[in-house]
C-alpha atoms as a PDB file:
ATOM      1  CA  MET A   1      -0.281   0.039   0.144  1.00  0.00           C
ATOM      2  CA  GLN A   2       2.919   2.289   0.633  1.00  0.00           C
ATOM      3  CA  ARG A   3       4.444   1.738  -2.707  1.00  0.00           C
ATOM      4  CA  ALA A   4       0.872   2.061  -4.237  1.00  0.00           C
ATOM      5  CA  HIS A   5       1.009   5.670  -2.664  1.00  0.00           C
ATOM      6  CA  GLU A   6       4.435   6.316  -3.291  1.00  0.00           C
ATOM      7  CA  ARG A   7       3.352   5.941  -7.191  1.00  0.00           C
ATOM      8  CA  GLY A   8       0.298   8.209  -7.387  1.00  0.00           C
ATOM      9  CA  ILE A   9      -2.443   5.547  -6.745  1.00  0.00           C
ATOM     10  CA  ARG A  10      -5.386   6.603  -4.368  1.00  0.00           C
ATOM     11  CA  ILE A  11      -7.644   3.733  -5.490  1.00  0.00           C
ATOM     12  CA  LEU A  12      -6.899   0.086  -5.559  1.00  0.00           C
ATOM     13  CA  ALA A  13      -8.061  -3.559  -5.174  1.00  0.00           C
ATOM     14  CA  LEU A  14      -6.287  -6.406  -3.520  1.00  0.00           C
ATOM     15  CA  THR A  15      -7.167  -9.670  -5.518  1.00  0.00           C
ATOM     16  CA  ASP A  16      -5.313 -12.200  -3.780  1.00  0.00           C
ATOM     17  CA  HIS A  17      -6.102 -15.783  -5.115  1.00  0.00           C
ATOM     18  CA  ASP A  18      -8.585 -17.617  -2.986  1.00  0.00           C
ATOM     19  CA  THR A  19      -8.553 -15.658  -0.210  1.00  0.00           C
ATOM     20  CA  LEU A  20      -9.188 -12.714   1.740  1.00  0.00           C
ATOM     21  CA  LYS A  21      -6.729 -12.806   4.455  1.00  0.00           C
ATOM     22  CA  GLY A  22      -4.874  -9.682   3.514  1.00  0.00           C
ATOM     23  CA  ILE A  23      -7.768  -7.339   3.210  1.00  0.00           C
ATOM     24  CA  GLY A  24      -7.682  -6.235   6.991  1.00  0.00           C
ATOM     25  CA  GLU A  25      -4.508  -5.109   6.985  1.00  0.00           C
ATOM     26  CA  ALA A  26      -4.487  -3.402   3.515  1.00  0.00           C
ATOM     27  CA  ARG A  27      -7.690  -1.728   4.601  1.00  0.00           C
ATOM     28  CA  GLN A  28      -5.570  -0.333   7.584  1.00  0.00           C
ATOM     29  CA  ALA A  29      -2.595   0.769   5.633  1.00  0.00           C
ATOM     30  CA  CYS A  30      -4.940   2.568   3.046  1.00  0.00           C
ATOM     31  CA  ASP A  31      -6.970   4.415   5.585  1.00  0.00           C
ATOM     32  CA  ALA A  32      -3.650   5.709   6.988  1.00  0.00           C
ATOM     33  CA  LEU A  33      -2.476   6.982   3.493  1.00  0.00           C
ATOM     34  CA  GLY A  34      -5.569   8.413   2.631  1.00  0.00           C
ATOM     35  CA  MET A  35      -6.392   5.730   0.092  1.00  0.00           C
ATOM     36  CA  HIS A  36      -9.559   3.646  -0.783  1.00  0.00           C
ATOM     37  CA  LEU A  37      -9.465   0.228  -1.019  1.00  0.00           C
ATOM     38  CA  VAL A  38     -12.048  -2.138  -3.163  1.00  0.00           C
ATOM     39  CA  ASN A  39     -12.499  -5.227  -1.589  1.00  0.00           C
ATOM     40  CA  GLY A  40     -11.259  -7.936  -4.206  1.00  0.00           C
ATOM     41  CA  ILE A  41     -10.460 -11.565  -4.784  1.00  0.00           C
ATOM     42  CA  GLU A  42      -9.376 -14.146  -7.634  1.00  0.00           C
ATOM     43  CA  LEU A  43     -11.149 -17.132  -7.745  1.00  0.00           C
ATOM     44  CA  SER A  44      -9.920 -20.547  -9.206  1.00  0.00           C
ATOM     45  CA  CYS A  45     -12.390 -22.632 -11.134  1.00  0.00           C
ATOM     46  CA  THR A  46     -12.664 -24.757 -13.854  1.00  0.00           C
ATOM     47  CA  TRP A  47     -14.364 -24.410 -17.125  1.00  0.00           C
ATOM     48  CA  ALA A  48     -13.975 -26.967 -19.949  1.00  0.00           C
ATOM     49  CA  ALA A  49     -11.973 -28.926 -17.983  1.00  0.00           C
ATOM     50  CA  THR A  50      -9.312 -26.018 -18.061  1.00  0.00           C
ATOM     51  CA  THR A  51      -8.756 -24.087 -14.774  1.00  0.00           C
ATOM     52  CA  ILE A  52      -9.557 -20.291 -15.257  1.00  0.00           C
ATOM     53  CA  HIS A  53      -9.833 -17.081 -12.710  1.00  0.00           C
ATOM     54  CA  VAL A  54     -12.460 -14.889 -11.886  1.00  0.00           C
ATOM     55  CA  LEU A  55     -12.012 -11.577 -10.515  1.00  0.00           C
ATOM     56  CA  GLY A  56     -14.749 -10.308  -7.942  1.00  0.00           C
ATOM     57  CA  TYR A  57     -14.743  -6.938  -6.685  1.00  0.00           C
ATOM     58  CA  ASP A  58     -16.636  -4.750  -3.860  1.00  0.00           C
ATOM     59  CA  PHE A  59     -18.838  -7.123  -2.156  1.00  0.00           C
ATOM     60  CA  ALA A  60     -19.498  -7.682   1.131  1.00  0.00           C
ATOM     61  CA  LEU A  61     -16.555  -9.600   3.221  1.00  0.00           C
ATOM     62  CA  ASP A  62     -19.029 -11.653   5.358  1.00  0.00           C
ATOM     63  CA  SER A  63     -20.674 -13.417   2.710  1.00  0.00           C
ATOM     64  CA  ILE A  64     -21.531 -17.087   4.107  1.00  0.00           C
ATOM     65  CA  PRO A  65     -21.337 -18.606   0.539  1.00  0.00           C
ATOM     66  CA  LEU A  66     -18.354 -16.976  -0.630  1.00  0.00           C
ATOM     67  CA  ASN A  67     -16.327 -17.463   2.875  1.00  0.00           C
ATOM     68  CA  ALA A  68     -17.864 -21.245   2.597  1.00  0.00           C
ATOM     69  CA  LEU A  69     -16.047 -21.655  -0.992  1.00  0.00           C
ATOM     70  CA  ILE A  70     -12.683 -20.105   0.152  1.00  0.00           C
ATOM     71  CA  ARG A  71     -12.489 -22.591   2.854  1.00  0.00           C
ATOM     72  CA  ARG A  72     -12.798 -25.372   0.666  1.00  0.00           C
ATOM     73  CA  LEU A  73     -10.496 -23.921  -1.839  1.00  0.00           C
ATOM     74  CA  GLN A  74      -7.836 -23.256   0.904  1.00  0.00           C
ATOM     75  CA  ASP A  75      -7.994 -27.033   1.822  1.00  0.00           C
ATOM     76  CA  GLY A  76      -7.467 -28.122  -1.610  1.00  0.00           C
ATOM     77  CA  ARG A  77      -3.935 -25.486  -1.953  1.00  0.00           C
ATOM     78  CA  TRP A  78      -2.789 -27.063   1.645  1.00  0.00           C
ATOM     79  CA  GLN A  79      -3.173 -30.348  -0.539  1.00  0.00           C
ATOM     80  CA  ARG A  80      -1.655 -29.010  -3.632  1.00  0.00           C
ATOM     81  CA  ALA A  81       1.271 -27.610  -1.278  1.00  0.00           C
ATOM     82  CA  GLU A  82       1.936 -31.236  -0.214  1.00  0.00           C
ATOM     83  CA  LYS A  83       1.939 -32.534  -3.405  1.00  0.00           C
ATOM     84  CA  ILE A  84       4.223 -30.166  -5.055  1.00  0.00           C
ATOM     85  CA  SER A  85       6.703 -30.800  -2.219  1.00  0.00           C
ATOM     86  CA  GLN A  86       6.487 -34.772  -2.493  1.00  0.00           C
ATOM     87  CA  ARG A  87       7.251 -34.540  -6.244  1.00  0.00           C
ATOM     88  CA  LEU A  88      10.220 -32.061  -5.817  1.00  0.00           C
ATOM     89  CA  ALA A  89      11.528 -34.385  -3.168  1.00  0.00           C
ATOM     90  CA  ALA A  90      11.554 -37.445  -5.416  1.00  0.00           C
ATOM     91  CA  LYS A  91      13.738 -35.859  -7.619  1.00  0.00           C
ATOM     92  CA  GLY A  92      16.207 -35.105  -5.352  1.00  0.00           C
ATOM     93  CA  MET A  93      15.038 -31.482  -3.615  1.00  0.00           C
ATOM     94  CA  PRO A  94      14.106 -32.308   0.040  1.00  0.00           C
ATOM     95  CA  GLY A  95      12.354 -30.100   2.365  1.00  0.00           C
ATOM     96  CA  CYS A  96      10.507 -27.647  -0.106  1.00  0.00           C
ATOM     97  CA  LEU A  97       7.412 -27.522   1.666  1.00  0.00           C
ATOM     98  CA  GLU A  98       9.566 -26.566   4.767  1.00  0.00           C
ATOM     99  CA  GLY A  99      11.402 -24.017   2.824  1.00  0.00           C
ATOM    100  CA  ALA A 100       8.374 -22.548   0.812  1.00  0.00           C
ATOM    101  CA  ARG A 101       6.881 -21.792   4.458  1.00  0.00           C
ATOM    102  CA  ALA A 102       9.760 -19.944   6.083  1.00  0.00           C
ATOM    103  CA  ILE A 103       9.962 -18.125   3.031  1.00  0.00           C
ATOM    104  CA  GLN A 104       6.076 -17.191   3.785  1.00  0.00           C
ATOM    105  CA  ALA A 105       6.782 -16.872   7.412  1.00  0.00           C
ATOM    106  CA  GLY A 106       9.469 -13.796   6.146  1.00  0.00           C
ATOM    107  CA  LEU A 107       6.706 -12.471   4.426  1.00  0.00           C
ATOM    108  CA  GLY A 108       4.295 -12.455   7.150  1.00  0.00           C
ATOM    109  CA  GLU A 109       2.192 -15.190   5.398  1.00  0.00           C
ATOM    110  CA  GLN A 110       2.510 -17.938   7.273  1.00  0.00           C
ATOM    111  CA  GLU A 111      -1.164 -18.636   8.045  1.00  0.00           C
ATOM    112  CA  GLN A 112      -1.713 -19.205   4.172  1.00  0.00           C
ATOM    113  CA  PRO A 113      -0.677 -22.791   1.992  1.00  0.00           C
ATOM    114  CA  PRO A 114       2.465 -21.777   0.079  1.00  0.00           C
ATOM    115  CA  ALA A 115       2.040 -21.103  -3.415  1.00  0.00           C
ATOM    116  CA  ARG A 116       4.601 -21.805  -6.565  1.00  0.00           C
ATOM    117  CA  PRO A 117       6.333 -18.321  -5.878  1.00  0.00           C
ATOM    118  CA  HIS A 118       7.145 -19.372  -2.552  1.00  0.00           C
ATOM    119  CA  PHE A 119       8.366 -23.016  -3.583  1.00  0.00           C
ATOM    120  CA  ALA A 120      10.674 -20.963  -6.519  1.00  0.00           C
ATOM    121  CA  ALA A 121      12.119 -18.560  -4.019  1.00  0.00           C
ATOM    122  CA  TYR A 122      13.000 -21.554  -1.626  1.00  0.00           C
ATOM    123  CA  MET A 123      14.391 -23.351  -4.601  1.00  0.00           C
ATOM    124  CA  VAL A 124      16.744 -20.375  -5.491  1.00  0.00           C
ATOM    125  CA  GLN A 125      17.736 -20.228  -1.918  1.00  0.00           C
ATOM    126  CA  ALA A 126      18.613 -23.585  -1.556  1.00  0.00           C
ATOM    127  CA  GLY A 127      20.818 -24.162  -4.595  1.00  0.00           C
ATOM    128  CA  TYR A 128      17.800 -26.243  -6.686  1.00  0.00           C
ATOM    129  CA  ALA A 129      17.629 -23.485  -9.215  1.00  0.00           C
ATOM    130  CA  ARG A 130      19.641 -20.687 -10.272  1.00  0.00           C
ATOM    131  CA  ASP A 131      16.770 -18.023 -10.294  1.00  0.00           C
ATOM    132  CA  HIS A 132      13.109 -17.477  -9.946  1.00  0.00           C
ATOM    133  CA  ALA A 133      12.617 -18.341 -13.962  1.00  0.00           C
ATOM    134  CA  GLU A 134      14.794 -21.039 -13.712  1.00  0.00           C
ATOM    135  CA  ALA A 135      12.698 -22.706 -11.124  1.00  0.00           C
ATOM    136  CA  PHE A 136       9.280 -22.289 -13.269  1.00  0.00           C
ATOM    137  CA  ASP A 137      10.737 -23.263 -16.534  1.00  0.00           C
ATOM    138  CA  LYS A 138      12.477 -26.426 -15.322  1.00  0.00           C
ATOM    139  CA  TRP A 139       9.912 -27.473 -12.267  1.00  0.00           C
ATOM    140  CA  LEU A 140       7.122 -25.364 -11.570  1.00  0.00           C
ATOM    141  CA  GLY A 141       5.725 -24.108 -14.637  1.00  0.00           C
ATOM    142  CA  ALA A 142       2.797 -25.178 -16.770  1.00  0.00           C
ATOM    143  CA  GLY A 143       3.135 -28.821 -17.468  1.00  0.00           C
ATOM    144  CA  LYS A 144       6.458 -29.112 -15.293  1.00  0.00           C
ATOM    145  CA  LEU A 145       6.681 -31.432 -12.370  1.00  0.00           C
ATOM    146  CA  GLY A 146       5.381 -29.094  -9.893  1.00  0.00           C
ATOM    147  CA  ASP A 147       2.208 -28.260 -11.584  1.00  0.00           C
ATOM    148  CA  VAL A 148      -0.117 -30.093 -10.063  1.00  0.00           C
ATOM    149  CA  LYS A 149      -3.683 -30.065 -10.633  1.00  0.00           C
ATOM    150  CA  GLN A 150      -6.387 -30.083  -7.865  1.00  0.00           C
ATOM    151  CA  PHE A 151      -9.849 -29.931  -7.762  1.00  0.00           C
ATOM    152  CA  TRP A 152     -11.708 -26.406  -8.384  1.00  0.00           C
ATOM    153  CA  PRO A 153     -14.889 -25.889  -8.127  1.00  0.00           C
ATOM    154  CA  GLU A 154     -16.997 -25.182 -11.401  1.00  0.00           C
ATOM    155  CA  PHE A 155     -17.036 -22.165 -13.138  1.00  0.00           C
ATOM    156  CA  ALA A 156     -20.678 -22.054 -12.632  1.00  0.00           C
ATOM    157  CA  GLU A 157     -20.646 -22.665  -9.321  1.00  0.00           C
ATOM    158  CA  VAL A 158     -18.147 -19.403  -8.588  1.00  0.00           C
ATOM    159  CA  MET A 159     -20.440 -17.248 -10.854  1.00  0.00           C
ATOM    160  CA  GLN A 160     -23.239 -18.082  -8.652  1.00  0.00           C
ATOM    161  CA  VAL A 161     -21.271 -17.463  -5.048  1.00  0.00           C
ATOM    162  CA  LEU A 162     -19.858 -14.316  -6.456  1.00  0.00           C
ATOM    163  CA  GLY A 163     -23.515 -12.899  -7.406  1.00  0.00           C
ATOM    164  CA  GLU A 164     -24.652 -14.238  -4.147  1.00  0.00           C
ATOM    165  CA  ALA A 165     -22.094 -11.982  -2.814  1.00  0.00           C
ATOM    166  CA  GLN A 166     -23.244  -9.057  -4.732  1.00  0.00           C
ATOM    167  CA  ALA A 167     -19.685  -8.681  -6.629  1.00  0.00           C
ATOM    168  CA  PHE A 168     -18.766  -7.103  -9.144  1.00  0.00           C
ATOM    169  CA  THR A 169     -17.186  -9.686 -11.781  1.00  0.00           C
ATOM    170  CA  SER A 170     -14.622  -9.596 -14.405  1.00  0.00           C
ATOM    171  CA  LEU A 171     -13.112 -12.592 -16.293  1.00  0.00           C
ATOM    172  CA  ALA A 172      -9.337 -12.413 -15.646  1.00  0.00           C
ATOM    173  CA  HIS A 173      -6.756 -12.310 -18.109  1.00  0.00           C
ATOM    174  CA  PRO A 174      -8.608 -14.471 -21.140  1.00  0.00           C
ATOM    175  CA  TYR A 175      -5.055 -14.868 -23.097  1.00  0.00           C
ATOM    176  CA  HIS A 176      -3.434 -16.628 -20.196  1.00  0.00           C
ATOM    177  CA  TYR A 177      -5.363 -19.469 -21.272  1.00  0.00           C
ATOM    178  CA  SER A 178      -4.065 -21.832 -24.082  1.00  0.00           C
ATOM    179  CA  PHE A 179      -7.282 -21.534 -26.180  1.00  0.00           C
ATOM    180  CA  THR A 180      -7.974 -21.264 -29.503  1.00  0.00           C
ATOM    181  CA  ARG A 181      -9.903 -17.990 -30.825  1.00  0.00           C
ATOM    182  CA  SER A 182     -13.140 -19.570 -30.882  1.00  0.00           C
ATOM    183  CA  LYS A 183     -12.697 -21.313 -27.419  1.00  0.00           C
ATOM    184  CA  ARG A 184     -11.727 -17.899 -25.857  1.00  0.00           C
ATOM    185  CA  ARG A 185     -14.926 -16.549 -27.465  1.00  0.00           C
ATOM    186  CA  ARG A 186     -16.777 -19.325 -25.987  1.00  0.00           C
ATOM    187  CA  LEU A 187     -15.683 -18.699 -22.376  1.00  0.00           C
ATOM    188  CA  VAL A 188     -16.612 -14.901 -22.905  1.00  0.00           C
ATOM    189  CA  ALA A 189     -20.178 -16.014 -24.315  1.00  0.00           C
ATOM    190  CA  ASP A 190     -20.454 -18.111 -21.013  1.00  0.00           C
ATOM    191  CA  PHE A 191     -19.289 -15.552 -18.623  1.00  0.00           C
ATOM    192  CA  ALA A 192     -21.476 -13.076 -20.233  1.00  0.00           C
ATOM    193  CA  GLU A 193     -24.681 -15.505 -20.149  1.00  0.00           C
ATOM    194  CA  ARG A 194     -24.177 -16.055 -16.488  1.00  0.00           C
ATOM    195  CA  GLY A 195     -24.298 -12.182 -15.520  1.00  0.00           C
ATOM    196  CA  GLY A 196     -21.019 -11.183 -15.938  1.00  0.00           C
ATOM    197  CA  HIS A 197     -19.863  -7.800 -15.565  1.00  0.00           C
ATOM    198  CA  ALA A 198     -16.594  -7.170 -17.161  1.00  0.00           C
ATOM    199  CA  LEU A 199     -13.642  -8.424 -19.325  1.00  0.00           C
ATOM    200  CA  GLU A 200      -9.819  -7.786 -18.163  1.00  0.00           C
ATOM    201  CA  VAL A 201      -8.736  -6.190 -21.150  1.00  0.00           C
ATOM    202  CA  SER A 202      -5.593  -4.935 -20.223  1.00  0.00           C
ATOM    203  CA  ASN A 203      -3.070  -7.002 -17.669  1.00  0.00           C
ATOM    204  CA  GLY A 204       0.174  -5.455 -17.098  1.00  0.00           C
ATOM    205  CA  PRO A 205       2.398  -5.274 -20.124  1.00  0.00           C
ATOM    206  CA  GLN A 206       0.223  -7.352 -21.999  1.00  0.00           C
ATOM    207  CA  PRO A 207       0.806  -7.084 -25.954  1.00  0.00           C
ATOM    208  CA  PRO A 208      -1.260  -3.962 -27.271  1.00  0.00           C
ATOM    209  CA  GLU A 209      -2.432  -6.470 -30.095  1.00  0.00           C
ATOM    210  CA  GLN A 210      -4.392  -8.650 -27.421  1.00  0.00           C
ATOM    211  CA  VAL A 211      -5.639  -5.682 -25.567  1.00  0.00           C
ATOM    212  CA  GLY A 212      -7.374  -4.626 -28.687  1.00  0.00           C
ATOM    213  CA  THR A 213      -8.904  -7.891 -29.759  1.00  0.00           C
ATOM    214  CA  LEU A 214     -10.000  -7.988 -26.052  1.00  0.00           C
ATOM    215  CA  ALA A 215     -11.736  -4.486 -26.378  1.00  0.00           C
ATOM    216  CA  VAL A 216     -13.724  -6.006 -29.155  1.00  0.00           C
ATOM    217  CA  MET A 217     -14.715  -8.776 -27.464  1.00  0.00           C
ATOM    218  CA  ALA A 218     -15.857  -6.543 -24.615  1.00  0.00           C
ATOM    219  CA  ARG A 219     -17.851  -4.396 -27.160  1.00  0.00           C
ATOM    220  CA  GLU A 220     -19.336  -7.286 -28.605  1.00  0.00           C
ATOM    221  CA  PHE A 221     -20.527  -9.090 -25.633  1.00  0.00           C
ATOM    222  CA  GLY A 222     -21.912  -5.577 -23.842  1.00  0.00           C
ATOM    223  CA  LEU A 223     -19.168  -5.995 -20.959  1.00  0.00           C
ATOM    224  CA  LYS A 224     -17.477  -3.189 -19.190  1.00  0.00           C
ATOM    225  CA  VAL A 225     -13.649  -3.729 -18.761  1.00  0.00           C
ATOM    226  CA  THR A 226     -11.136  -3.731 -16.027  1.00  0.00           C
ATOM    227  CA  ALA A 227      -7.282  -2.983 -16.567  1.00  0.00           C
ATOM    228  CA  GLY A 228      -4.549  -3.348 -14.034  1.00  0.00           C
ATOM    229  CA  SER A 229      -1.040  -3.841 -13.131  1.00  0.00           C
ATOM    230  CA  ASP A 230      -1.585  -7.365 -11.813  1.00  0.00           C
ATOM    231  CA  PHE A 231       1.330  -6.423  -9.717  1.00  0.00           C
ATOM    232  CA  HIS A 232       2.782  -9.406  -7.431  1.00  0.00           C
ATOM    233  CA  MET A 233       6.105  -8.084  -6.224  1.00  0.00           C
ATOM    234  CA  PRO A 234       8.965  -5.843  -7.093  1.00  0.00           C
ATOM    235  CA  ARG A 235      11.114  -5.997 -10.288  1.00  0.00           C
ATOM    236  CA  ASN A 236       8.548  -9.301 -11.278  1.00  0.00           C
ATOM    237  CA  TRP A 237       6.215  -8.901 -14.055  1.00  0.00           C
ATOM    238  CA  SER A 238       4.903  -5.562 -13.818  1.00  0.00           C
ATOM    239  CA  GLU A 239       4.603  -2.224 -11.786  1.00  0.00           C
ATOM    240  CA  LEU A 240       2.242  -1.229  -9.424  1.00  0.00           C
ATOM    241  CA  GLY A 241      -0.278   1.166 -11.518  1.00  0.00           C
ATOM    242  CA  LEU A 242       1.435   0.098 -14.972  1.00  0.00           C
ATOM    243  CA  TYR A 243      -0.485  -1.098 -17.722  1.00  0.00           C
ATOM    244  CA  ARG A 244      -1.410  -0.571 -21.334  1.00  0.00           C
ATOM    245  CA  ALA A 245      -4.958   2.039 -21.225  1.00  0.00           C
ATOM    246  CA  PRO A 246      -8.066   0.487 -22.831  1.00  0.00           C
ATOM    247  CA  ALA A 247      -9.883   2.131 -25.536  1.00  0.00           C
ATOM    248  CA  SER A 248     -11.701   5.502 -23.975  1.00  0.00           C
ATOM    249  CA  ASP A 249     -15.299   4.278 -25.637  1.00  0.00           C
ATOM    250  CA  LEU A 250     -15.139   1.259 -23.218  1.00  0.00           C
ATOM    251  CA  THR A 251     -16.789   1.534 -19.562  1.00  0.00           C
ATOM    252  CA  PRO A 252     -14.357   0.706 -16.610  1.00  0.00           C
ATOM    253  CA  LEU A 253     -16.224  -1.361 -14.031  1.00  0.00           C
ATOM    254  CA  TRP A 254     -14.599   0.611 -11.317  1.00  0.00           C
ATOM    255  CA  HIS A 255     -16.970   3.669 -12.361  1.00  0.00           C
ATOM    256  CA  SER A 256     -19.503   1.237 -10.618  1.00  0.00           C
ATOM    257  CA  PHE A 257     -17.746   0.910  -7.259  1.00  0.00           C
ATOM    258  CA  ALA A 258     -18.888   2.727  -4.198  1.00  0.00           C
ATOM    259  CA  VAL A 259     -15.559   4.986  -4.525  1.00  0.00           C
ATOM    260  CA  PRO A 260     -15.650   8.730  -3.080  1.00  0.00           C
ATOM    261  CA  ASP A 261     -16.001  11.291  -5.279  1.00  0.00           C
ATOM    262  CA  SER A 262     -12.814  12.959  -4.296  1.00  0.00           C
ATOM    263  CA  LEU A 263     -10.918  10.309  -5.336  1.00  0.00           C
ATOM    264  CA  ARG A 264     -12.724   9.425  -8.813  1.00  0.00           C
ATOM    265  CA  GLU A 265      -9.694  10.709 -11.235  1.00  0.00           C
ATOM    266  CA  PRO A 266      -8.580   9.635 -14.181  1.00  0.00           C
ATOM    267  CA  GLU A 267      -6.042   6.257 -14.110  1.00  0.00           C
ATOM    268  CA  ILE A 268      -2.481   7.530 -13.759  1.00  0.00           C
ATOM    269  CA  GLY A 269      -0.185   5.299 -15.203  1.00  0.00           C
ATOM    270  CA  VAL A 270      -0.274   3.740 -18.610  1.00  0.00           C
ATOM    271  CA  LEU A 271       1.990   2.230 -21.179  1.00  0.00           C
ATOM    272  CA  PRO A 272       2.176   3.205 -24.785  1.00  0.00           C
END
């Protein structure tokens, strides 16, 4: 939150994967800095046998169906972390689960199941990989040994739960999935039919041709748009507030949020 404030950001959402744990601390920091935090989450689910992500925004944190779903997802993530560690140990890299949790402890995240970036950080620390990129390229990336699949709820259930929580929804990074053009279009169509609100047309340093194609789809299906840096950590993928601006004729989803009028200013950081 301090980094965001230093970069001139006054409104932002924290959309961690399958958890709301960080929102309380983030809100305290935002309040102290005169910023507005939008409740957010990025939920994992299955569509056409593929894991996809749906973003939820500006919902009530006490939604019973949403919190029940999150508990299920967290249990699954613990099982996934244990399986990743077992697979790495079988390849001569013991202690990865404990190491990943130690990395989390240093970040103040020890209550959460470790994710692949935590494993990658420990693998570098332990000498199992030269750097973060090699850890993913050889062991943790899509299709690699540590890419452990787990049971995710179905897309329809996630959309229903977010609807019950009165969340605004956005289909996350549609180009992240290895879909054909027609399959990607079917996903967007299904999202729109289930009451989805927006399409994430710009995600960090995403290629401009992808941003343009997604803008066309947003217009076709009558969807609003979201755009953001998808910031994870310094010097990794993107920077806070930096992304390619969507076309000016598209309606940003955040205009629908309960945001103080004094903070309703144009987005500040865009890529050419």
